[in-house]
N, C-alpha and C. Protein backbone atom coordinates (compact mmCIF):
# COMPACT_ATOMS: atom_id res chain seq x y z
N GLU A 1 -14.00 129.06 128.91
CA GLU A 1 -14.64 128.76 127.82
C GLU A 1 -15.17 130.00 127.07
N VAL A 2 -15.08 130.34 125.84
CA VAL A 2 -15.48 131.41 124.91
C VAL A 2 -16.05 131.09 123.69
N PRO A 3 -17.39 131.28 123.52
CA PRO A 3 -17.72 131.04 122.08
C PRO A 3 -17.33 132.06 121.11
N ILE A 4 -17.06 131.67 120.02
CA ILE A 4 -16.66 132.49 118.91
C ILE A 4 -17.33 132.16 117.58
N SER A 5 -17.53 133.12 116.86
CA SER A 5 -18.05 132.91 115.56
C SER A 5 -17.60 133.87 114.53
N CYS A 6 -17.45 133.41 113.30
CA CYS A 6 -16.96 134.18 112.29
C CYS A 6 -18.07 134.24 110.99
N SER A 7 -18.16 135.26 110.25
CA SER A 7 -19.08 134.99 109.06
C SER A 7 -18.31 136.07 107.95
N ASP A 8 -18.67 135.75 106.63
CA ASP A 8 -18.09 136.60 105.55
C ASP A 8 -19.14 137.12 104.79
N ASP A 9 -18.70 137.73 103.80
CA ASP A 9 -19.70 138.62 102.97
C ASP A 9 -20.71 137.78 102.22
N VAL A 10 -20.51 136.57 102.17
CA VAL A 10 -21.61 135.66 101.26
C VAL A 10 -22.42 134.95 102.27
N GLY A 11 -22.32 135.15 103.64
CA GLY A 11 -23.11 134.54 104.71
C GLY A 11 -22.56 133.24 105.29
N ASN A 12 -21.45 132.73 104.82
CA ASN A 12 -20.89 131.58 105.37
C ASN A 12 -20.61 131.86 106.89
N GLU A 13 -20.78 130.91 107.72
CA GLU A 13 -20.80 131.28 109.27
C GLU A 13 -20.07 129.91 109.85
N ALA A 14 -19.22 130.53 110.79
CA ALA A 14 -18.50 129.16 111.60
C ALA A 14 -18.55 129.54 112.87
N LYS A 15 -19.11 128.60 113.83
CA LYS A 15 -19.27 128.83 115.20
C LYS A 15 -18.40 127.71 116.04
N ASP A 16 -17.80 128.19 116.96
CA ASP A 16 -16.95 127.19 118.00
C ASP A 16 -16.75 127.82 119.45
N ILE A 17 -16.12 126.90 120.33
CA ILE A 17 -15.81 127.33 121.58
C ILE A 17 -14.54 127.16 121.71
N ILE A 18 -13.71 128.07 122.42
CA ILE A 18 -12.40 127.95 122.41
C ILE A 18 -12.16 127.99 124.02
N LEU A 19 -11.08 127.16 124.42
CA LEU A 19 -10.76 127.00 125.74
C LEU A 19 -9.26 127.43 125.91
N PHE A 20 -9.05 128.25 126.96
CA PHE A 20 -7.63 128.54 127.16
C PHE A 20 -7.39 128.90 128.69
N LYS A 21 -6.28 129.01 129.27
CA LYS A 21 -6.05 129.03 130.47
C LYS A 21 -5.01 130.18 130.83
N VAL A 22 -5.29 131.08 131.62
CA VAL A 22 -4.36 132.26 132.03
C VAL A 22 -3.78 131.92 133.30
N THR A 23 -2.38 132.04 133.16
CA THR A 23 -1.62 131.74 134.56
C THR A 23 -1.00 133.24 134.85
N ARG A 24 -1.15 133.53 135.99
CA ARG A 24 -0.62 134.83 136.44
C ARG A 24 0.49 134.44 137.37
N ASP A 25 1.76 135.21 136.94
CA ASP A 25 2.81 134.92 137.94
C ASP A 25 3.20 136.14 138.54
N ASN A 26 3.00 136.30 139.99
CA ASN A 26 3.53 137.58 140.47
C ASN A 26 4.50 137.37 141.79
N THR A 27 5.15 136.25 141.59
CA THR A 27 6.21 135.69 142.54
C THR A 27 7.62 135.92 142.05
N PRO A 28 8.41 136.79 142.71
CA PRO A 28 9.67 137.00 142.15
C PRO A 28 10.43 135.78 142.28
N PRO A 29 11.85 135.47 141.60
CA PRO A 29 12.61 134.46 141.69
C PRO A 29 13.29 134.60 143.06
N ASN A 30 13.60 133.41 143.77
CA ASN A 30 14.11 133.28 144.82
C ASN A 30 15.38 132.62 144.82
N LEU A 31 16.33 132.84 145.70
CA LEU A 31 17.75 132.41 145.52
C LEU A 31 17.62 130.94 146.27
N MET A 32 18.19 130.02 145.47
CA MET A 32 18.30 128.72 146.10
C MET A 32 19.55 128.28 146.54
N PHE A 33 20.62 128.52 145.67
CA PHE A 33 22.04 128.20 146.02
C PHE A 33 22.90 129.39 145.76
N LEU A 34 24.02 129.31 146.65
CA LEU A 34 25.12 130.42 146.46
C LEU A 34 26.24 129.72 146.64
N TYR A 35 27.25 129.70 145.80
CA TYR A 35 28.56 129.49 146.22
C TYR A 35 29.72 129.96 145.41
N LYS A 36 30.94 129.98 146.00
CA LYS A 36 32.05 130.42 145.38
C LYS A 36 33.05 129.27 145.15
N GLN A 37 33.45 129.43 143.64
CA GLN A 37 34.16 128.39 143.13
C GLN A 37 35.43 129.00 142.52
N ASP A 38 36.58 128.87 143.09
CA ASP A 38 37.72 129.72 142.77
C ASP A 38 37.39 131.22 142.83
N ALA A 39 37.46 132.01 141.81
CA ALA A 39 37.40 133.28 141.93
C ALA A 39 36.00 133.67 141.23
N ILE A 40 34.98 132.74 141.27
CA ILE A 40 33.61 133.04 140.58
C ILE A 40 32.53 132.84 141.61
N LEU A 41 31.61 133.82 141.64
CA LEU A 41 30.53 133.70 142.51
C LEU A 41 29.54 133.00 141.68
N LYS A 42 28.71 131.96 142.34
CA LYS A 42 27.77 131.32 141.30
C LYS A 42 26.38 131.29 142.16
N ILE A 43 25.33 131.51 141.57
CA ILE A 43 23.98 131.49 142.42
C ILE A 43 23.16 130.72 141.40
N THR A 44 22.14 130.09 142.05
CA THR A 44 20.98 129.24 141.47
C THR A 44 19.74 129.92 141.87
N MET A 45 18.96 130.35 141.07
CA MET A 45 17.45 130.85 141.44
C MET A 45 16.63 129.51 141.25
N ASP A 46 15.40 130.00 141.67
CA ASP A 46 14.17 128.84 141.81
C ASP A 46 13.38 128.83 140.32
N GLU A 47 13.54 129.98 139.46
CA GLU A 47 12.95 130.12 138.24
C GLU A 47 14.02 130.74 137.38
N ALA A 48 13.49 130.62 135.99
CA ALA A 48 14.30 131.47 134.97
C ALA A 48 14.26 132.96 135.36
N SER A 49 15.44 133.61 135.30
CA SER A 49 15.61 134.98 135.49
C SER A 49 16.78 135.72 135.17
N ALA A 50 16.72 137.01 135.18
CA ALA A 50 17.86 137.74 134.76
C ALA A 50 18.42 138.37 136.05
N CYS A 51 19.69 138.46 136.28
CA CYS A 51 20.17 138.81 137.50
C CYS A 51 21.39 139.96 137.36
N GLU A 52 21.33 140.86 138.05
CA GLU A 52 22.25 142.11 138.00
C GLU A 52 22.92 142.26 139.31
N TYR A 53 24.00 143.20 139.20
CA TYR A 53 24.90 143.17 140.61
C TYR A 53 25.45 144.62 140.54
N SER A 54 25.94 145.04 141.67
CA SER A 54 26.60 146.24 141.99
C SER A 54 27.24 146.36 143.17
N GLY A 55 28.14 147.10 143.57
CA GLY A 55 28.86 147.24 144.79
C GLY A 55 27.95 148.13 145.71
N ASN A 56 27.06 148.72 145.16
CA ASN A 56 26.10 149.44 146.12
C ASN A 56 24.58 149.06 145.95
N GLU A 57 23.77 149.62 146.73
CA GLU A 57 22.20 149.29 146.43
C GLU A 57 21.88 149.97 145.13
N PHE A 58 20.95 149.42 144.41
CA PHE A 58 20.50 149.76 143.16
C PHE A 58 19.05 148.98 142.87
N SER A 59 18.48 149.59 141.62
CA SER A 59 17.25 149.08 141.45
C SER A 59 17.48 148.18 139.92
N PHE A 60 16.77 147.08 140.12
CA PHE A 60 17.00 146.38 138.69
C PHE A 60 16.81 147.17 137.29
N GLY A 61 17.69 146.77 136.41
CA GLY A 61 17.63 147.52 135.18
C GLY A 61 19.01 148.81 135.36
N SER A 62 19.58 148.94 136.43
CA SER A 62 20.59 149.85 136.51
C SER A 62 22.10 149.20 137.12
N GLY A 63 22.02 147.82 137.01
CA GLY A 63 23.13 147.09 137.75
C GLY A 63 23.81 146.46 136.40
N LYS A 64 24.75 145.72 136.64
CA LYS A 64 25.43 145.15 135.82
C LYS A 64 25.04 143.77 135.59
N ASP A 65 24.95 143.34 134.33
CA ASP A 65 24.39 141.89 134.01
C ASP A 65 25.39 140.72 134.55
N MET A 66 24.61 139.99 135.23
CA MET A 66 25.62 138.69 135.61
C MET A 66 25.54 137.69 134.28
N GLU A 67 26.56 136.75 134.31
CA GLU A 67 26.66 135.97 133.23
C GLU A 67 25.73 134.76 133.59
N GLY A 68 25.14 134.22 132.34
CA GLY A 68 24.31 133.03 132.47
C GLY A 68 22.78 133.56 132.15
N ASN A 69 22.00 132.51 132.11
CA ASN A 69 20.38 132.78 132.00
C ASN A 69 19.61 131.65 132.51
N ASP A 70 18.76 131.61 132.44
CA ASP A 70 17.73 130.72 133.07
C ASP A 70 17.83 130.62 134.55
N LYS A 71 18.42 129.59 135.22
CA LYS A 71 18.33 129.59 136.60
C LYS A 71 19.76 129.74 137.23
N GLU A 72 20.88 129.79 136.44
CA GLU A 72 22.14 129.96 136.78
C GLU A 72 22.82 130.98 136.48
N HIS A 73 23.60 131.74 137.30
CA HIS A 73 24.06 132.96 137.09
C HIS A 73 25.43 132.97 137.86
N SER A 74 26.34 133.87 137.07
CA SER A 74 27.62 134.07 137.77
C SER A 74 28.55 135.29 137.74
N LEU A 75 29.48 135.51 138.28
CA LEU A 75 30.10 136.85 138.14
C LEU A 75 31.52 136.44 138.63
N ILE A 76 32.67 137.21 138.00
CA ILE A 76 33.99 137.11 138.54
C ILE A 76 34.21 137.93 139.91
N ILE A 77 34.57 137.35 140.96
CA ILE A 77 34.94 138.24 141.99
C ILE A 77 36.08 139.22 141.85
N GLU A 78 35.51 140.45 142.13
CA GLU A 78 36.64 141.40 141.87
C GLU A 78 36.52 142.44 143.17
N GLU A 79 35.46 142.33 143.75
CA GLU A 79 35.07 143.26 144.90
C GLU A 79 34.83 142.52 146.20
N ARG A 80 34.64 143.15 147.38
CA ARG A 80 34.41 142.65 148.70
C ARG A 80 32.84 142.57 149.01
N LYS A 81 32.25 143.38 148.18
CA LYS A 81 30.78 143.05 148.54
C LYS A 81 29.85 143.40 146.97
N TYR A 82 28.62 142.43 147.10
CA TYR A 82 27.94 142.68 145.85
C TYR A 82 26.44 142.45 146.44
N ASN A 83 25.75 143.67 145.80
CA ASN A 83 24.25 143.70 145.90
C ASN A 83 23.91 143.01 144.50
N ILE A 84 22.87 141.93 144.69
CA ILE A 84 22.20 141.09 143.70
C ILE A 84 20.84 141.29 143.44
N VAL A 85 20.29 141.62 142.56
CA VAL A 85 18.80 141.64 142.25
C VAL A 85 18.33 140.88 141.03
N CYS A 86 17.45 139.95 141.05
CA CYS A 86 16.96 139.20 140.04
C CYS A 86 15.49 139.47 139.57
N ALA A 87 15.22 139.36 138.38
CA ALA A 87 13.76 139.51 137.72
C ALA A 87 13.41 138.31 136.91
N ASP A 88 12.08 137.95 137.00
CA ASP A 88 11.82 136.86 136.02
C ASP A 88 10.97 137.61 134.67
N ALA A 89 10.70 136.86 133.80
CA ALA A 89 10.16 137.08 132.57
C ALA A 89 8.76 138.07 132.78
N PHE A 90 8.34 138.05 133.61
CA PHE A 90 7.03 138.85 133.98
C PHE A 90 7.58 140.06 134.98
N ASN A 91 8.68 140.58 134.87
CA ASN A 91 9.35 141.69 135.68
C ASN A 91 9.13 141.49 137.01
N ASN A 92 8.83 140.45 137.61
CA ASN A 92 8.82 140.19 139.20
C ASN A 92 10.21 140.40 139.70
N THR A 93 10.47 141.49 140.38
CA THR A 93 11.84 141.58 140.86
C THR A 93 11.79 141.20 142.43
N GLY A 94 12.82 140.61 142.89
CA GLY A 94 12.90 140.14 144.36
C GLY A 94 13.62 141.40 145.03
N ASN A 95 13.47 141.28 146.24
CA ASN A 95 14.29 142.35 147.37
C ASN A 95 15.62 142.33 146.97
N GLY A 96 16.47 141.36 146.55
CA GLY A 96 17.89 141.39 146.34
C GLY A 96 18.56 140.79 147.69
N PHE A 97 19.89 140.63 147.54
CA PHE A 97 20.61 140.21 148.72
C PHE A 97 21.92 140.71 148.52
N VAL A 98 22.72 140.73 149.38
CA VAL A 98 24.03 141.29 149.63
C VAL A 98 24.87 139.94 149.91
N VAL A 99 26.21 139.82 149.23
CA VAL A 99 26.92 138.78 149.21
C VAL A 99 28.37 139.32 149.55
N TYR A 100 29.00 138.94 150.73
CA TYR A 100 30.58 139.11 150.98
C TYR A 100 31.31 137.93 150.59
N PRO A 101 31.82 137.77 149.34
CA PRO A 101 32.46 136.57 149.05
C PRO A 101 34.00 136.59 149.68
């Protein structure tokens, strides 16, 4: 609850109270499901996120973007090993995980 007031040059004044809620998200997205369908690796995260992959360890922002958005992501399997890292809209980045499809 925050009181607020405004006034203009001729002395008009308005007062009110505003209410708002601040939500803090400091939890990274977590892997819920992972499966292979033909030559496609698919993952589902527990919240909307962006996911990247590489054949080696990497930091989020320097990998290749996975297809998809929101919670579901995929990539065409061309390698024997993938390091995958995902981050949510608040830049909470998970530890990542390694997949051997």
